[in-house]
Amino acid sequence: MLRERNVKTKLTVNKFEYISGMKKIGLLLLILVLQACADDKKKTEPRVEPSDEVSEDIQNLAKDEKMEEPISVRIPSYDFETFQKKILQKNNDTTYVVNFWATWCKPCVKELPYFERINKEYADKKVKVILASLDFPNKVQSQVVPFIKKNKLHSEIVLLDDADANSWIPKVSEEWSGAIPATVIYKNDSRTFYEKSFTYEELKTEIQKIL
């Protein structure tokens, strides 16, 4: 009886060792298969060489970024009396385009790119765009400056900070109800006021009239 029990114990141990051995062999085979697949992938995967050629669009974009001057934001603040002397009463051979706007005014924001384009394309024709912001003074650093940087505005920007709007609005133009956007285009004593939004073509046409 004891011998039979010993035989059963040995058979059980041998069976366990056999199963363990088979598991090790199976694991080893799996590792070898995975290694072989990895080697095949390395052999068959196409090698991408870095190209010395750069697309024309990328080259132009890089040039534009290098040529574009960093925007330095300085926004002088004027009451209307100072604004009138410094901005609305210039007497020289330059045509001034003074746009009244604010960051919270959607029609103003929509037309800003047209003024920026005029300022850039007509610079050699002595046309200067001045953007007169009517934003609240306490929003300049938190709202106006980030807006200028984000939209890359290069035109001259000033803040018209004068709470007595009822007194200075008619001094800009008797036709002005106070709504924005509004624009004054002038050269010396020749002056035109517009209480409207512009397209680029409309703005260009009005400037041509006064040049």
Protein backbone atom coordinates (compact mmCIF):
# COMPACT_ATOMS: atom_id res chain seq x y z
CA MET A 1 0.00 0.00 0.00
CA LEU A 2 2.85 2.35 0.88
CA ARG A 3 4.62 1.45 -2.37
CA GLU A 4 1.48 2.21 -4.36
CA ARG A 5 1.21 5.58 -2.66
CA ASN A 6 4.86 6.34 -3.47
CA VAL A 7 4.33 5.43 -7.12
CA LYS A 8 1.34 7.76 -7.32
CA THR A 9 3.35 10.57 -5.72
CA LYS A 10 6.21 10.10 -8.22
CA LEU A 11 3.75 10.07 -11.13
CA THR A 12 2.19 13.28 -9.88
CA VAL A 13 5.59 14.99 -9.49
CA ASN A 14 6.73 13.81 -12.93
CA LYS A 15 3.49 15.05 -14.48
CA PHE A 16 3.95 18.45 -12.83
CA GLU A 17 7.56 18.68 -14.01
CA TYR A 18 6.50 17.67 -17.51
CA ILE A 19 3.78 20.35 -17.64
CA SER A 20 6.17 22.99 -16.28
CA GLY A 21 8.75 22.00 -18.84
CA MET A 22 6.23 22.27 -21.67
CA LYS A 23 5.16 25.74 -20.50
CA LYS A 24 8.78 26.90 -20.52
CA ILE A 25 9.29 25.49 -24.01
CA GLY A 26 6.07 27.17 -25.20
CA LEU A 27 7.13 30.53 -23.70
CA LEU A 28 10.57 30.24 -25.32
CA LEU A 29 8.99 29.51 -28.72
CA LEU A 30 6.69 32.51 -28.35
CA ILE A 31 9.65 34.81 -27.61
CA LEU A 32 11.51 33.45 -30.65
CA VAL A 33 8.48 34.03 -32.92
CA LEU A 34 8.02 37.60 -31.70
CA GLN A 35 11.72 38.32 -32.19
CA ALA A 36 11.57 36.93 -35.73
CA CYS A 37 8.58 39.18 -36.55
CA ALA A 38 10.40 42.23 -35.23
CA ASP A 39 13.45 41.41 -37.35
CA ASP A 40 11.29 40.99 -40.46
CA LYS A 41 9.60 44.35 -39.81
CA LYS A 42 12.96 46.07 -39.58
CA LYS A 43 14.03 44.50 -42.85
CA THR A 44 10.85 45.30 -44.78
CA GLU A 45 9.93 48.71 -43.31
CA PRO A 46 10.91 51.45 -45.79
CA ARG A 47 13.54 53.83 -44.57
CA VAL A 48 12.65 57.49 -44.85
CA GLU A 49 15.60 59.68 -45.55
CA PRO A 50 15.40 63.34 -44.53
CA SER A 51 14.83 65.50 -47.58
CA ASP A 52 17.01 68.45 -48.38
CA GLU A 53 14.14 70.03 -50.33
CA VAL A 54 11.63 72.28 -48.57
CA SER A 55 8.30 73.10 -50.18
CA GLU A 56 7.88 76.58 -51.62
CA ASP A 57 4.95 77.32 -49.29
CA ILE A 58 7.02 76.50 -46.23
CA GLN A 59 9.90 78.64 -47.51
CA ASN A 60 7.58 81.58 -48.08
CA LEU A 61 6.02 81.13 -44.66
CA ALA A 62 9.43 81.12 -43.03
CA LYS A 63 10.41 84.26 -44.93
CA ASP A 64 7.21 86.02 -43.88
CA GLU A 65 7.78 85.11 -40.24
CA LYS A 66 11.35 86.39 -40.37
CA MET A 67 10.35 89.59 -42.16
CA GLU A 68 7.46 90.37 -39.82
CA GLU A 69 8.55 92.77 -37.12
CA PRO A 70 7.62 91.93 -33.53
CA ILE A 71 4.66 93.95 -32.32
CA SER A 72 5.53 96.45 -29.63
CA VAL A 73 2.33 97.55 -27.93
CA ARG A 74 2.19 101.07 -26.63
CA ILE A 75 -1.23 102.69 -26.39
CA PRO A 76 -1.22 106.39 -25.49
CA SER A 77 -4.37 107.61 -23.78
CA TYR A 78 -5.89 110.99 -24.64
CA ASP A 79 -8.83 113.06 -23.52
CA PHE A 80 -10.71 114.51 -26.47
CA GLU A 81 -8.98 117.90 -26.43
CA THR A 82 -5.56 116.25 -26.73
CA PHE A 83 -6.90 113.68 -29.21
CA GLN A 84 -8.26 116.44 -31.43
CA LYS A 85 -4.94 118.31 -31.51
CA LYS A 86 -2.73 115.24 -31.98
CA ILE A 87 -4.92 113.08 -34.22
CA LEU A 88 -7.63 115.13 -35.95
CA GLN A 89 -5.80 118.36 -36.73
CA LYS A 90 -2.62 117.34 -38.52
CA ASN A 91 -1.60 119.64 -41.35
CA ASN A 92 0.86 118.05 -43.75
CA ASP A 93 0.97 116.10 -47.00
CA THR A 94 -0.32 112.86 -45.43
CA THR A 95 -3.85 111.47 -45.71
CA TYR A 96 -5.11 110.26 -42.32
CA VAL A 97 -7.64 107.49 -41.86
CA VAL A 98 -8.95 107.64 -38.28
CA ASN A 99 -11.14 104.70 -37.33
CA PHE A 100 -13.18 104.67 -34.12
CA TRP A 101 -13.53 101.10 -32.87
CA ALA A 102 -13.58 98.82 -29.81
CA THR A 103 -12.72 95.18 -29.13
CA TRP A 104 -16.32 94.48 -28.08
CA CYS A 105 -17.72 95.82 -31.38
CA LYS A 106 -18.11 92.92 -33.85
CA PRO A 107 -18.54 95.09 -36.99
CA CYS A 108 -15.41 97.01 -35.94
CA VAL A 109 -13.37 93.85 -35.53
CA LYS A 110 -14.60 92.49 -38.84
CA GLU A 111 -13.35 95.51 -40.83
CA LEU A 112 -10.01 95.95 -39.01
CA PRO A 113 -8.09 93.78 -41.53
CA TYR A 114 -9.12 96.21 -44.30
CA PHE A 115 -7.63 99.16 -42.41
CA GLU A 116 -4.49 97.15 -41.72
CA ARG A 117 -4.19 96.36 -45.42
CA ILE A 118 -4.62 100.02 -46.37
CA ASN A 119 -2.00 101.05 -43.84
CA LYS A 120 0.48 98.61 -45.37
CA GLU A 121 -0.30 98.98 -49.08
CA TYR A 122 -0.68 102.77 -49.11
CA ALA A 123 2.26 103.65 -46.88
CA ASP A 124 4.33 104.82 -49.87
CA LYS A 125 1.43 107.09 -50.90
CA LYS A 126 1.54 108.89 -47.58
CA VAL A 127 -1.61 107.34 -46.13
CA LYS A 128 -1.60 106.64 -42.40
CA VAL A 129 -4.21 104.67 -40.47
CA ILE A 130 -4.89 105.51 -36.83
CA LEU A 131 -7.14 103.22 -34.80
CA ALA A 132 -8.86 105.13 -32.00
CA SER A 133 -10.03 102.62 -29.40
CA LEU A 134 -13.11 103.42 -27.33
CA ASP A 135 -12.55 100.51 -24.94
CA PHE A 136 -12.77 101.12 -21.21
CA PRO A 137 -9.41 102.28 -19.79
CA ASN A 138 -9.39 99.47 -17.21
CA LYS A 139 -9.57 96.92 -20.07
CA VAL A 140 -6.48 98.09 -21.93
CA GLN A 141 -3.96 95.67 -20.44
CA SER A 142 -6.33 92.74 -19.97
CA GLN A 143 -8.25 92.98 -23.25
CA VAL A 144 -6.95 95.54 -25.77
CA VAL A 145 -3.24 94.68 -25.66
CA PRO A 146 -3.83 90.90 -25.99
CA PHE A 147 -6.25 91.61 -28.87
CA ILE A 148 -3.63 93.68 -30.69
CA LYS A 149 -0.98 90.99 -30.28
CA LYS A 150 -3.30 88.17 -31.28
CA ASN A 151 -4.49 89.95 -34.43
CA LYS A 152 -1.06 91.40 -35.23
CA LEU A 153 -2.23 94.98 -35.66
CA HIS A 154 0.53 97.26 -36.89
CA SER A 155 -1.43 100.47 -37.37
CA GLU A 156 -1.00 103.24 -34.81
CA ILE A 157 -3.44 102.69 -31.92
CA VAL A 158 -4.55 105.25 -29.35
CA LEU A 159 -7.12 105.20 -26.58
CA LEU A 160 -9.75 107.95 -26.55
CA ASP A 161 -10.49 108.20 -22.84
CA ASP A 162 -13.07 110.93 -22.34
CA ALA A 163 -16.28 110.14 -20.50
CA ASP A 164 -18.09 113.25 -21.77
CA ALA A 165 -19.00 111.65 -25.11
CA ASN A 166 -22.03 113.88 -25.63
CA SER A 167 -19.76 116.91 -25.84
CA TRP A 168 -17.02 115.53 -28.13
CA ILE A 169 -19.03 113.33 -30.54
CA PRO A 170 -20.49 116.32 -32.45
CA LYS A 171 -17.00 117.87 -32.56
CA VAL A 172 -15.84 114.90 -34.59
CA SER A 173 -18.86 115.27 -36.88
CA GLU A 174 -22.33 116.76 -36.57
CA GLU A 175 -23.52 113.69 -38.50
CA TRP A 176 -22.26 111.23 -35.91
CA SER A 177 -24.88 109.59 -33.70
CA GLY A 178 -22.15 108.02 -31.58
CA ALA A 179 -22.42 104.52 -33.07
CA ILE A 180 -19.30 102.62 -34.10
CA PRO A 181 -17.58 101.76 -36.31
CA ALA A 182 -17.04 105.29 -37.56
CA THR A 183 -14.22 106.74 -39.66
CA VAL A 184 -12.78 110.11 -40.52
CA ILE A 185 -10.63 110.43 -43.64
CA TYR A 186 -8.88 113.76 -44.00
CA LYS A 187 -5.98 115.59 -45.53
CA ASN A 188 -5.47 119.10 -44.21
CA ASP A 189 -8.84 120.88 -44.66
CA SER A 190 -10.41 118.16 -46.83
CA ARG A 191 -12.38 115.91 -44.51
CA THR A 192 -15.07 113.23 -44.81
CA PHE A 193 -16.90 111.37 -42.04
CA TYR A 194 -18.48 107.89 -42.30
CA GLU A 195 -20.74 106.19 -39.78
CA LYS A 196 -20.63 102.74 -41.38
CA SER A 197 -18.67 99.54 -41.86
CA PHE A 198 -16.33 99.22 -44.84
CA THR A 199 -15.25 96.51 -47.22
CA TYR A 200 -11.69 96.80 -48.47
CA GLU A 201 -12.81 98.02 -51.90
CA GLU A 202 -15.13 100.65 -50.40
CA LEU A 203 -12.40 101.93 -48.13
CA LYS A 204 -9.90 102.09 -50.98
CA THR A 205 -12.38 104.01 -53.16
CA GLU A 206 -12.98 106.64 -50.47
CA ILE A 207 -9.26 107.10 -49.88
CA GLN A 208 -8.64 107.52 -53.60
CA LYS A 209 -11.10 110.43 -53.63
CA ILE A 210 -9.01 112.42 -51.21
CA LEU A 211 -5.50 111.58 -52.41
